């Protein structure tokens, strides 16, 4: 089992530096509403809404499947159906969710769908639970690789 390092949970936000208090001048965060994001800064509309390393790593990891949709602000990547060349009558589809702006071990979730051709129709089939976890591990490994490449440049 992997133990996350402390720096994976750090962020530079003002809210994270206010520790041990229920509120500062920016108040308490309730129901996912962060008033500080509504103050209107000039650079708010730029960039992607999720961790850039996780985003790029997700795209790299799932690049063997055709891309159906990618939302960098919501952090969702949806692939189209993919049939491996070695198998006939079987296809896969994946949806990846990037869950935040920090590079954390729980920052990505991958759901895999599988169908088989039966009697001329595609039928949903159960996927091994480890399949999504293995893809998540590959995304995280690639994200760490991208971060270390960026740090060495």
N, C-alpha and C. Protein backbone atom coordinates (compact mmCIF):
# COMPACT_ATOMS: atom_id res chain seq x y z
N UNK A 1 0.85 -1.19 0.00
CA UNK A 1 0.00 0.00 0.00
C UNK A 1 0.88 1.24 0.00
N UNK A 2 0.54 2.19 -0.80
CA UNK A 2 1.31 3.41 -0.94
C UNK A 2 0.92 4.40 0.14
N UNK A 3 1.91 5.03 0.76
CA UNK A 3 1.66 6.07 1.75
C UNK A 3 1.87 7.42 1.09
N UNK A 4 0.83 8.27 1.08
CA UNK A 4 0.99 9.57 0.44
C UNK A 4 1.96 10.45 1.22
N UNK A 5 2.74 11.21 0.49
CA UNK A 5 3.65 12.16 1.12
C UNK A 5 2.87 13.40 1.54
N UNK A 6 3.40 14.08 2.53
CA UNK A 6 2.73 15.26 3.07
C UNK A 6 2.55 16.35 2.00
N UNK A 7 3.53 16.50 1.09
CA UNK A 7 3.44 17.59 0.11
C UNK A 7 2.32 17.37 -0.90
N UNK A 8 1.78 16.15 -0.98
CA UNK A 8 0.66 15.92 -1.89
C UNK A 8 -0.62 16.58 -1.38
N UNK A 9 -0.66 16.86 -0.10
CA UNK A 9 -1.86 17.43 0.49
C UNK A 9 -1.74 18.93 0.74
N UNK A 10 -0.59 19.47 0.48
CA UNK A 10 -0.42 20.90 0.70
C UNK A 10 -0.91 21.68 -0.50
N UNK A 11 -1.47 22.80 -0.24
CA UNK A 11 -1.73 23.74 -1.31
C UNK A 11 -1.38 25.12 -0.79
N UNK A 12 -1.30 26.06 -1.67
CA UNK A 12 -0.87 27.39 -1.27
C UNK A 12 -2.01 28.35 -1.04
N UNK A 13 -3.21 27.83 -0.94
CA UNK A 13 -4.35 28.72 -0.78
C UNK A 13 -4.35 29.35 0.61
N UNK A 14 -4.95 30.50 0.72
CA UNK A 14 -5.04 31.20 1.99
C UNK A 14 -5.84 30.38 2.98
N UNK A 15 -6.87 29.71 2.49
CA UNK A 15 -7.73 28.92 3.36
C UNK A 15 -6.94 27.79 4.03
N UNK A 16 -6.00 27.17 3.32
CA UNK A 16 -5.24 26.06 3.89
C UNK A 16 -4.27 26.54 4.96
N UNK A 17 -3.88 27.81 4.91
CA UNK A 17 -2.95 28.34 5.91
C UNK A 17 -3.66 28.75 7.19
N UNK A 18 -4.98 28.82 7.17
CA UNK A 18 -5.74 29.17 8.37
C UNK A 18 -6.11 27.86 9.04
N UNK A 19 -5.23 27.35 9.88
CA UNK A 19 -5.44 26.06 10.52
C UNK A 19 -5.85 26.25 11.96
N UNK A 20 -6.73 25.37 12.42
CA UNK A 20 -7.12 25.39 13.82
C UNK A 20 -8.18 26.43 14.14
N UNK A 21 -8.69 27.11 13.15
CA UNK A 21 -9.74 28.10 13.38
C UNK A 21 -10.94 27.74 12.54
N UNK A 22 -12.11 28.07 13.01
CA UNK A 22 -13.31 27.81 12.23
C UNK A 22 -13.46 28.79 11.09
N UNK A 23 -12.89 29.92 11.21
CA UNK A 23 -13.02 30.88 10.13
C UNK A 23 -12.00 31.97 10.26
N UNK A 24 -11.74 32.60 9.21
CA UNK A 24 -10.88 33.77 9.19
C UNK A 24 -11.72 34.89 8.62
N UNK A 25 -11.08 35.82 7.99
CA UNK A 25 -11.88 36.89 7.39
C UNK A 25 -12.69 36.40 6.20
N UNK A 26 -12.30 35.21 5.67
CA UNK A 26 -13.06 34.69 4.54
C UNK A 26 -14.18 33.74 4.97
N UNK A 27 -14.39 33.53 6.27
CA UNK A 27 -15.53 32.76 6.75
C UNK A 27 -15.33 31.27 6.70
N UNK A 28 -16.44 30.55 6.79
CA UNK A 28 -16.45 29.09 6.83
C UNK A 28 -16.94 28.56 5.49
N UNK A 29 -16.33 27.49 5.03
CA UNK A 29 -16.72 26.86 3.78
C UNK A 29 -17.85 25.88 4.06
N UNK A 30 -19.04 26.15 3.53
CA UNK A 30 -20.20 25.28 3.71
C UNK A 30 -20.75 24.85 2.37
N UNK A 31 -21.10 23.58 2.25
CA UNK A 31 -21.78 23.06 1.07
C UNK A 31 -21.03 23.36 -0.23
N UNK A 32 -19.71 23.43 -0.17
CA UNK A 32 -18.92 23.60 -1.37
C UNK A 32 -18.94 25.01 -1.94
N UNK A 33 -19.45 25.98 -1.20
CA UNK A 33 -19.51 27.35 -1.68
C UNK A 33 -18.34 28.13 -1.10
N UNK A 34 -17.43 28.53 -1.94
CA UNK A 34 -16.27 29.28 -1.51
C UNK A 34 -16.44 30.73 -1.96
N UNK A 35 -16.73 31.60 -1.01
CA UNK A 35 -16.98 33.01 -1.34
C UNK A 35 -15.75 33.69 -1.92
N UNK A 36 -14.56 33.20 -1.55
CA UNK A 36 -13.36 33.86 -2.04
C UNK A 36 -13.24 33.75 -3.55
N UNK A 37 -13.84 32.72 -4.15
CA UNK A 37 -13.77 32.58 -5.61
C UNK A 37 -14.72 33.53 -6.31
N UNK A 38 -15.62 34.18 -5.57
CA UNK A 38 -16.58 35.09 -6.18
C UNK A 38 -16.12 36.54 -6.12
N UNK A 39 -14.93 36.78 -5.61
CA UNK A 39 -14.45 38.15 -5.45
C UNK A 39 -14.01 38.79 -6.74
N UNK A 40 -13.85 37.99 -7.79
CA UNK A 40 -13.58 38.56 -9.11
C UNK A 40 -12.16 39.02 -9.31
N UNK A 41 -11.27 38.11 -9.59
CA UNK A 41 -9.92 38.51 -9.94
C UNK A 41 -9.77 38.44 -11.44
N UNK A 42 -8.80 39.12 -11.95
CA UNK A 42 -8.64 39.21 -13.41
C UNK A 42 -8.25 37.88 -14.03
N UNK A 43 -7.55 37.01 -13.27
CA UNK A 43 -7.07 35.77 -13.88
C UNK A 43 -7.97 34.58 -13.62
N UNK A 44 -9.16 34.77 -13.10
CA UNK A 44 -10.01 33.66 -12.74
C UNK A 44 -10.48 32.83 -13.92
N UNK A 45 -10.69 33.40 -15.05
CA UNK A 45 -11.23 32.66 -16.17
C UNK A 45 -10.20 31.87 -16.95
N UNK A 46 -8.93 31.98 -16.61
CA UNK A 46 -7.90 31.31 -17.39
C UNK A 46 -7.49 30.00 -16.74
N UNK A 47 -6.90 29.13 -17.55
CA UNK A 47 -6.38 27.86 -17.05
C UNK A 47 -7.46 26.80 -16.96
N UNK A 48 -7.02 25.59 -16.56
CA UNK A 48 -7.96 24.50 -16.42
C UNK A 48 -8.40 24.41 -14.96
N UNK A 49 -9.51 23.75 -14.72
CA UNK A 49 -10.08 23.70 -13.38
C UNK A 49 -9.57 22.57 -12.52
N UNK A 50 -8.62 21.77 -13.02
CA UNK A 50 -8.12 20.61 -12.28
C UNK A 50 -6.60 20.60 -12.32
N UNK A 51 -6.00 19.67 -11.60
CA UNK A 51 -4.55 19.54 -11.59
C UNK A 51 -4.04 19.25 -13.00
N UNK A 52 -3.13 20.05 -13.48
CA UNK A 52 -2.64 19.93 -14.85
C UNK A 52 -1.89 18.62 -15.08
N UNK A 53 -1.15 18.14 -14.09
CA UNK A 53 -0.43 16.88 -14.24
C UNK A 53 -1.41 15.71 -14.34
N UNK A 54 -2.43 15.71 -13.49
CA UNK A 54 -3.43 14.64 -13.56
C UNK A 54 -4.19 14.69 -14.88
N UNK A 55 -4.48 15.89 -15.34
CA UNK A 55 -5.21 16.05 -16.60
C UNK A 55 -4.41 15.47 -17.77
N UNK A 56 -3.15 15.90 -17.87
CA UNK A 56 -2.31 15.43 -18.97
C UNK A 56 -2.05 13.93 -18.87
N UNK A 57 -1.83 13.45 -17.64
CA UNK A 57 -1.57 12.02 -17.43
C UNK A 57 -2.80 11.18 -17.79
N UNK A 58 -3.98 11.69 -17.51
CA UNK A 58 -5.21 10.97 -17.86
C UNK A 58 -5.34 10.87 -19.37
N UNK A 59 -5.11 11.97 -20.06
CA UNK A 59 -5.17 11.95 -21.52
C UNK A 59 -4.12 11.01 -22.10
N UNK A 60 -2.90 11.03 -21.55
CA UNK A 60 -1.84 10.15 -22.03
C UNK A 60 -2.19 8.68 -21.80
N UNK A 61 -2.68 8.38 -20.62
CA UNK A 61 -2.96 6.99 -20.25
C UNK A 61 -4.10 6.41 -21.07
N UNK A 62 -5.11 7.20 -21.34
CA UNK A 62 -6.27 6.71 -22.09
C UNK A 62 -6.16 6.97 -23.58
N UNK A 63 -4.99 7.36 -24.05
CA UNK A 63 -4.83 7.73 -25.45
C UNK A 63 -4.98 6.55 -26.41
N UNK A 64 -4.91 5.33 -25.93
CA UNK A 64 -5.10 4.17 -26.81
C UNK A 64 -6.58 4.00 -27.18
N UNK A 65 -7.47 4.68 -26.47
CA UNK A 65 -8.91 4.63 -26.76
C UNK A 65 -9.31 5.93 -27.46
N UNK A 66 -10.28 5.87 -28.38
CA UNK A 66 -10.73 7.12 -29.02
C UNK A 66 -11.42 8.03 -28.00
N UNK A 67 -11.13 9.29 -28.10
CA UNK A 67 -11.67 10.28 -27.16
C UNK A 67 -13.05 10.74 -27.63
N UNK A 68 -14.03 10.67 -26.75
CA UNK A 68 -15.38 11.12 -27.08
C UNK A 68 -15.62 12.53 -26.55
N UNK A 69 -15.11 12.81 -25.35
CA UNK A 69 -15.35 14.11 -24.73
C UNK A 69 -14.28 14.38 -23.69
N UNK A 70 -13.88 15.65 -23.57
CA UNK A 70 -12.91 16.05 -22.55
C UNK A 70 -13.28 17.44 -22.06
N UNK A 71 -13.48 17.56 -20.76
CA UNK A 71 -13.84 18.84 -20.14
C UNK A 71 -12.76 19.21 -19.14
N UNK A 72 -11.81 20.09 -19.50
CA UNK A 72 -10.73 20.43 -18.59
C UNK A 72 -11.18 21.28 -17.40
N UNK A 73 -12.33 21.89 -17.48
CA UNK A 73 -12.80 22.70 -16.36
C UNK A 73 -13.54 21.84 -15.34
N UNK A 74 -14.28 20.86 -15.81
CA UNK A 74 -14.97 19.94 -14.91
C UNK A 74 -14.14 18.73 -14.56
N UNK A 75 -13.07 18.48 -15.31
CA UNK A 75 -12.18 17.37 -15.01
C UNK A 75 -12.73 16.02 -15.42
N UNK A 76 -13.42 15.95 -16.54
CA UNK A 76 -14.01 14.68 -17.00
C UNK A 76 -13.47 14.33 -18.39
N UNK A 77 -13.01 13.09 -18.53
CA UNK A 77 -12.57 12.56 -19.82
C UNK A 77 -13.42 11.33 -20.11
N UNK A 78 -14.07 11.33 -21.26
CA UNK A 78 -14.92 10.20 -21.65
C UNK A 78 -14.38 9.66 -22.97
N UNK A 79 -14.12 8.37 -22.99
CA UNK A 79 -13.66 7.75 -24.22
C UNK A 79 -14.84 7.14 -24.96
N UNK A 80 -14.62 6.89 -26.23
CA UNK A 80 -15.60 6.16 -27.03
C UNK A 80 -15.30 4.68 -26.88
N UNK A 81 -16.15 3.84 -27.43
CA UNK A 81 -15.94 2.40 -27.34
C UNK A 81 -14.67 2.01 -28.07
N UNK A 82 -13.93 1.09 -27.49
CA UNK A 82 -12.67 0.61 -28.04
C UNK A 82 -12.67 -0.92 -28.02
N UNK A 83 -12.38 -1.52 -29.16
CA UNK A 83 -12.25 -2.97 -29.26
C UNK A 83 -10.79 -3.32 -29.47
N UNK A 84 -10.18 -4.03 -28.53
CA UNK A 84 -8.78 -4.42 -28.71
C UNK A 84 -8.64 -5.30 -29.95
N UNK A 85 -7.55 -5.13 -30.70
CA UNK A 85 -7.36 -5.90 -31.93
C UNK A 85 -7.34 -7.41 -31.70
N UNK A 86 -6.91 -7.83 -30.52
CA UNK A 86 -6.77 -9.26 -30.25
C UNK A 86 -8.09 -9.94 -29.86
N UNK A 87 -9.14 -9.16 -29.62
CA UNK A 87 -10.41 -9.75 -29.21
C UNK A 87 -11.53 -9.34 -30.16
N UNK A 88 -12.35 -10.30 -30.52
CA UNK A 88 -13.53 -10.00 -31.32
C UNK A 88 -14.76 -10.10 -30.42
N UNK A 89 -15.70 -9.23 -30.65
CA UNK A 89 -16.94 -9.30 -29.90
C UNK A 89 -16.85 -8.76 -28.49
N UNK A 90 -15.88 -7.89 -28.24
CA UNK A 90 -15.73 -7.30 -26.91
C UNK A 90 -15.26 -5.85 -27.09
N UNK A 91 -15.81 -4.94 -26.31
CA UNK A 91 -15.38 -3.55 -26.39
C UNK A 91 -15.42 -2.91 -25.00
N UNK A 92 -14.63 -1.84 -24.87
CA UNK A 92 -14.48 -1.16 -23.59
C UNK A 92 -14.68 0.34 -23.77
N UNK A 93 -15.06 0.97 -22.69
CA UNK A 93 -15.22 2.42 -22.64
C UNK A 93 -14.80 2.87 -21.25
N UNK A 94 -14.20 4.05 -21.14
CA UNK A 94 -13.75 4.54 -19.84
C UNK A 94 -14.20 5.98 -19.62
N UNK A 95 -14.47 6.29 -18.37
CA UNK A 95 -14.74 7.66 -17.95
C UNK A 95 -13.81 7.96 -16.79
N UNK A 96 -13.04 9.03 -16.92
CA UNK A 96 -12.11 9.43 -15.87
C UNK A 96 -12.57 10.75 -15.26
N UNK A 97 -12.51 10.82 -13.95
CA UNK A 97 -12.88 12.02 -13.20
C UNK A 97 -11.65 12.50 -12.44
N UNK A 98 -11.25 13.73 -12.69
CA UNK A 98 -10.16 14.34 -11.93
C UNK A 98 -10.83 15.16 -10.84
N UNK A 99 -10.48 14.86 -9.60
CA UNK A 99 -11.27 15.31 -8.46
C UNK A 99 -10.74 16.55 -7.76
N UNK A 100 -9.75 17.20 -8.30
CA UNK A 100 -9.29 18.40 -7.62
C UNK A 100 -8.11 19.05 -8.31
N UNK A 101 -7.60 20.07 -7.65
CA UNK A 101 -6.50 20.85 -8.20
C UNK A 101 -5.14 20.39 -7.68
N UNK A 102 -5.13 19.42 -6.76
CA UNK A 102 -3.88 18.96 -6.19
C UNK A 102 -3.54 17.58 -6.71
N UNK A 103 -2.26 17.30 -6.80
CA UNK A 103 -1.79 15.98 -7.21
C UNK A 103 -1.79 15.10 -5.96
N UNK A 104 -2.86 14.33 -5.84
CA UNK A 104 -3.05 13.45 -4.69
C UNK A 104 -3.37 12.05 -5.17
N UNK A 105 -3.13 11.07 -4.31
CA UNK A 105 -3.37 9.69 -4.69
C UNK A 105 -4.85 9.40 -4.92
N UNK A 106 -5.72 10.18 -4.31
CA UNK A 106 -7.17 10.01 -4.53
C UNK A 106 -7.72 11.07 -5.47
N UNK A 107 -6.87 11.66 -6.27
CA UNK A 107 -7.27 12.76 -7.15
C UNK A 107 -7.85 12.37 -8.48
N UNK A 108 -7.89 11.07 -8.78
CA UNK A 108 -8.45 10.61 -10.05
C UNK A 108 -9.26 9.35 -9.81
N UNK A 109 -10.36 9.24 -10.52
CA UNK A 109 -11.22 8.06 -10.46
C UNK A 109 -11.51 7.63 -11.89
N UNK A 110 -11.29 6.36 -12.21
CA UNK A 110 -11.55 5.84 -13.55
C UNK A 110 -12.59 4.74 -13.45
N UNK A 111 -13.64 4.86 -14.27
CA UNK A 111 -14.69 3.85 -14.33
C UNK A 111 -14.63 3.24 -15.73
N UNK A 112 -14.59 1.90 -15.77
CA UNK A 112 -14.48 1.19 -17.04
C UNK A 112 -15.77 0.41 -17.29
N UNK A 113 -16.25 0.48 -18.52
CA UNK A 113 -17.44 -0.25 -18.94
C UNK A 113 -17.03 -1.27 -19.99
N UNK A 114 -17.69 -2.41 -19.98
CA UNK A 114 -17.36 -3.48 -20.93
C UNK A 114 -18.64 -4.04 -21.52
N UNK A 115 -18.59 -4.34 -22.82
CA UNK A 115 -19.71 -4.98 -23.49
C UNK A 115 -19.21 -6.14 -24.34
N UNK A 116 -20.06 -7.14 -24.48
CA UNK A 116 -19.77 -8.27 -25.35
C UNK A 116 -20.88 -8.41 -26.37
N UNK A 117 -20.51 -8.90 -27.54
CA UNK A 117 -21.48 -9.14 -28.60
C UNK A 117 -22.11 -10.51 -28.35
N UNK A 118 -23.44 -10.51 -28.15
CA UNK A 118 -24.18 -11.75 -27.93
C UNK A 118 -25.44 -11.73 -28.79
N UNK A 119 -25.56 -12.69 -29.63
CA UNK A 119 -26.72 -12.80 -30.53
C UNK A 119 -26.95 -11.53 -31.34
N UNK A 120 -25.87 -10.93 -31.79
CA UNK A 120 -25.96 -9.75 -32.64
C UNK A 120 -26.23 -8.44 -31.92
N UNK A 121 -26.17 -8.44 -30.60
CA UNK A 121 -26.42 -7.20 -29.83
C UNK A 121 -25.33 -7.04 -28.76
N UNK A 122 -24.98 -5.78 -28.48
CA UNK A 122 -24.01 -5.50 -27.43
C UNK A 122 -24.71 -5.61 -26.08
N UNK A 123 -24.10 -6.37 -25.17
CA UNK A 123 -24.66 -6.60 -23.84
C UNK A 123 -23.63 -6.15 -22.81
N UNK A 124 -24.09 -5.38 -21.80
CA UNK A 124 -23.20 -4.95 -20.72
C UNK A 124 -22.74 -6.15 -19.92
N UNK A 125 -21.44 -6.16 -19.61
CA UNK A 125 -20.82 -7.24 -18.85
C UNK A 125 -20.04 -6.61 -17.70
N UNK A 126 -19.99 -7.31 -16.59
CA UNK A 126 -19.27 -6.81 -15.42
C UNK A 126 -17.77 -6.71 -15.72
N UNK A 127 -17.15 -5.68 -15.16
CA UNK A 127 -15.72 -5.45 -15.32
C UNK A 127 -15.05 -5.77 -13.99
N UNK A 128 -13.89 -6.36 -14.04
CA UNK A 128 -13.13 -6.64 -12.81
C UNK A 128 -12.88 -5.33 -12.07
N UNK A 129 -13.07 -5.37 -10.77
CA UNK A 129 -12.90 -4.15 -9.95
C UNK A 129 -11.49 -3.59 -10.06
N UNK A 130 -10.52 -4.45 -10.30
CA UNK A 130 -9.13 -4.00 -10.35
C UNK A 130 -8.81 -3.22 -11.62
N UNK A 131 -9.64 -3.33 -12.65
CA UNK A 131 -9.35 -2.66 -13.93
C UNK A 131 -9.29 -1.15 -13.77
N UNK A 132 -10.29 -0.56 -13.13
CA UNK A 132 -10.30 0.88 -12.90
C UNK A 132 -9.15 1.31 -12.01
N UNK A 133 -8.87 0.53 -10.97
CA UNK A 133 -7.77 0.84 -10.05
C UNK A 133 -6.42 0.81 -10.76
N UNK A 134 -6.24 -0.16 -11.65
CA UNK A 134 -4.99 -0.24 -12.40
C UNK A 134 -4.80 0.97 -13.31
N UNK A 135 -5.86 1.40 -13.95
CA UNK A 135 -5.77 2.61 -14.78
C UNK A 135 -5.48 3.84 -13.93
N UNK A 136 -6.11 3.93 -12.75
CA UNK A 136 -5.84 5.05 -11.84
C UNK A 136 -4.38 5.07 -11.44
N UNK A 137 -3.82 3.90 -11.12
CA UNK A 137 -2.40 3.81 -10.76
C UNK A 137 -1.52 4.27 -11.90
N UNK A 138 -1.87 3.90 -13.13
CA UNK A 138 -1.08 4.32 -14.29
C UNK A 138 -1.16 5.83 -14.49
N UNK A 139 -2.35 6.41 -14.28
CA UNK A 139 -2.50 7.86 -14.39
C UNK A 139 -1.64 8.55 -13.34
N UNK A 140 -1.69 8.07 -12.11
CA UNK A 140 -0.91 8.69 -11.03
C UNK A 140 0.59 8.57 -11.28
N UNK A 141 1.01 7.42 -11.76
CA UNK A 141 2.44 7.24 -12.07
C UNK A 141 2.87 8.20 -13.17
N UNK A 142 2.05 8.35 -14.19
CA UNK A 142 2.37 9.27 -15.29
C UNK A 142 2.37 10.72 -14.80
N UNK A 143 1.44 11.06 -13.93
CA UNK A 143 1.37 12.43 -13.39
C UNK A 143 2.63 12.75 -12.58
N UNK A 144 3.08 11.80 -11.77
CA UNK A 144 4.31 12.01 -11.00
C UNK A 144 5.52 12.15 -11.93
N UNK A 145 5.52 11.36 -13.00
CA UNK A 145 6.59 11.45 -14.00
C UNK A 145 6.60 12.83 -14.65
N UNK A 146 5.42 13.32 -15.04
CA UNK A 146 5.33 14.65 -15.65
C UNK A 146 5.77 15.73 -14.68
N UNK A 147 5.40 15.60 -13.41
CA UNK A 147 5.80 16.60 -12.41
C UNK A 147 7.30 16.60 -12.23
N UNK A 148 7.92 15.42 -12.17
CA UNK A 148 9.37 15.37 -11.98
C UNK A 148 10.10 15.90 -13.23
N UNK A 149 9.56 15.64 -14.41
CA UNK A 149 10.16 16.19 -15.63
C UNK A 149 10.10 17.71 -15.61
N UNK A 150 8.98 18.25 -15.16
CA UNK A 150 8.81 19.70 -15.09
C UNK A 150 9.74 20.31 -14.04
N UNK A 151 9.94 19.61 -12.93
CA UNK A 151 10.81 20.13 -11.88
C UNK A 151 12.27 20.14 -12.31
N UNK A 152 12.65 19.17 -13.14
CA UNK A 152 14.06 19.10 -13.58
C UNK A 152 14.37 20.08 -14.70
N UNK A 153 13.34 20.64 -15.33
CA UNK A 153 13.57 21.60 -16.43
C UNK A 153 13.79 22.97 -15.94
